[in-house]
Amino acid sequence: IYDIERNHFQTFTPDNRPNSQSIRNEHINDILPTSDGKYWLGGYQALELFTPDTGTSQVPKFPFKHAIHDLLEDRDGLLWVATDRGLFRFNPRNSELAHFSA
């Protein structure tokens, strides 16, 4: 992550150990900044919410086993997730998930 004020890049390394709180994605396809300084990361078979201040990430409480290609947050705070298995709408406040397919 680039800190424009300090002209400095901060890097984060994935850690796939079972109890790790670091990012898990080794292949990130999309990064979506949130209004509170966190980042949604969409990658190969994982969606996670990353907090750079602490270097920790959280994985939402649903089984997400699809490659993520694009992320979008709408004006209601809902996260739209484009995958190789269709479009998902995720509500981060209550972990509600809806799937839309062609």
Protein backbone atom coordinates (compact mmCIF):
# COMPACT_ATOMS: atom_id res chain seq x y z
CA ILE A 1 0.00 0.00 0.00
CA TYR A 2 1.38 3.40 -0.94
CA ASP A 3 1.40 6.13 1.73
CA ILE A 4 1.41 9.34 -0.27
CA GLU A 5 2.22 11.54 2.74
CA ARG A 6 5.39 9.62 3.57
CA ASN A 7 6.19 8.63 -0.03
CA HIS A 8 6.50 5.04 1.16
CA PHE A 9 5.23 1.62 0.07
CA GLN A 10 4.18 -0.84 2.77
CA THR A 11 4.08 -4.48 1.73
CA PHE A 12 2.13 -7.35 3.24
CA THR A 13 2.90 -11.04 2.78
CA PRO A 14 0.16 -13.69 2.67
CA ASP A 15 0.10 -16.23 5.49
CA ASN A 16 -2.11 -19.29 5.01
CA ARG A 17 -1.56 -20.89 8.42
CA PRO A 18 -4.91 -21.82 10.08
CA ASN A 19 -4.89 -19.15 12.82
CA SER A 20 -3.20 -16.40 10.86
CA GLN A 21 -4.79 -12.97 10.83
CA SER A 22 -2.67 -11.78 7.92
CA ILE A 23 -3.94 -11.61 4.34
CA ARG A 24 -4.54 -15.04 2.85
CA ASN A 25 -4.77 -14.27 -0.85
CA GLU A 26 -1.61 -14.90 -2.81
CA HIS A 27 -3.32 -13.70 -5.99
CA ILE A 28 -5.36 -10.52 -5.60
CA ASN A 29 -7.48 -9.49 -8.57
CA ASP A 30 -9.20 -6.42 -7.13
CA ILE A 31 -8.76 -4.02 -4.22
CA LEU A 32 -11.62 -1.83 -3.01
CA PRO A 33 -10.87 0.89 -0.42
CA THR A 34 -13.50 1.51 2.25
CA SER A 35 -14.41 4.84 3.81
CA ASP A 36 -12.81 3.83 7.13
CA GLY A 37 -9.33 3.07 5.76
CA LYS A 38 -9.74 -0.67 5.25
CA TYR A 39 -9.61 -2.62 1.98
CA TRP A 40 -11.75 -5.35 0.52
CA LEU A 41 -9.46 -7.80 -1.27
CA GLY A 42 -10.82 -10.10 -3.94
CA GLY A 43 -8.66 -12.92 -5.14
CA TYR A 44 -8.57 -16.53 -6.14
CA GLN A 45 -11.19 -18.27 -3.97
CA ALA A 46 -11.27 -15.65 -1.21
CA LEU A 47 -12.81 -12.37 -0.18
CA GLU A 48 -11.31 -10.63 2.82
CA LEU A 49 -11.39 -7.31 4.63
CA PHE A 50 -7.87 -6.02 5.31
CA THR A 51 -6.92 -3.45 7.96
CA PRO A 52 -3.50 -2.02 7.05
CA ASP A 53 -3.03 -0.21 10.39
CA THR A 54 -2.89 -3.56 12.20
CA GLY A 55 -1.84 -5.79 9.27
CA THR A 56 -4.82 -8.08 9.92
CA SER A 57 -7.60 -9.39 7.73
CA GLN A 58 -11.02 -10.89 8.30
CA VAL A 59 -12.73 -13.42 6.06
CA PRO A 60 -16.53 -13.06 5.86
CA LYS A 61 -18.60 -15.86 7.40
CA PHE A 62 -19.69 -17.58 4.22
CA PRO A 63 -18.06 -20.22 2.06
CA PHE A 64 -16.67 -18.34 -0.89
CA LYS A 65 -14.95 -20.67 -3.31
CA HIS A 66 -14.99 -18.71 -6.55
CA ALA A 67 -12.34 -16.61 -8.26
CA ILE A 68 -13.19 -12.94 -7.70
CA HIS A 69 -12.73 -10.65 -10.67
CA ASP A 70 -14.24 -7.34 -9.55
CA LEU A 71 -15.58 -5.60 -6.43
CA LEU A 72 -17.97 -2.67 -6.12
CA GLU A 73 -19.61 -1.02 -3.13
CA ASP A 74 -22.98 0.61 -3.77
CA ARG A 75 -24.42 3.69 -2.03
CA ASP A 76 -26.15 1.45 0.54
CA GLY A 77 -22.84 -0.09 1.61
CA LEU A 78 -23.56 -3.43 -0.08
CA LEU A 79 -20.62 -5.18 -1.70
CA TRP A 80 -21.10 -6.55 -5.22
CA VAL A 81 -18.71 -9.37 -6.08
CA ALA A 82 -18.19 -10.50 -9.70
CA THR A 83 -16.89 -14.07 -9.88
CA ASP A 84 -16.43 -16.88 -12.36
CA ARG A 85 -19.69 -18.34 -10.96
CA GLY A 86 -21.88 -15.26 -11.28
CA LEU A 87 -22.58 -12.11 -9.33
CA PHE A 88 -22.93 -12.01 -5.55
CA ARG A 89 -24.29 -9.25 -3.32
CA PHE A 90 -22.84 -9.25 0.18
CA ASN A 91 -24.08 -7.20 3.12
CA PRO A 92 -21.06 -6.72 5.44
CA ARG A 93 -23.30 -5.59 8.33
CA ASN A 94 -25.16 -8.89 8.67
CA SER A 95 -23.20 -11.27 6.36
CA GLU A 96 -26.26 -11.77 4.14
CA LEU A 97 -25.32 -13.15 0.74
CA ALA A 98 -27.38 -13.28 -2.46
CA HIS A 99 -26.32 -15.01 -5.68
CA PHE A 100 -27.35 -13.88 -9.16
CA SER A 101 -26.60 -16.07 -12.18
CA ALA A 102 -27.42 -15.88 -15.87
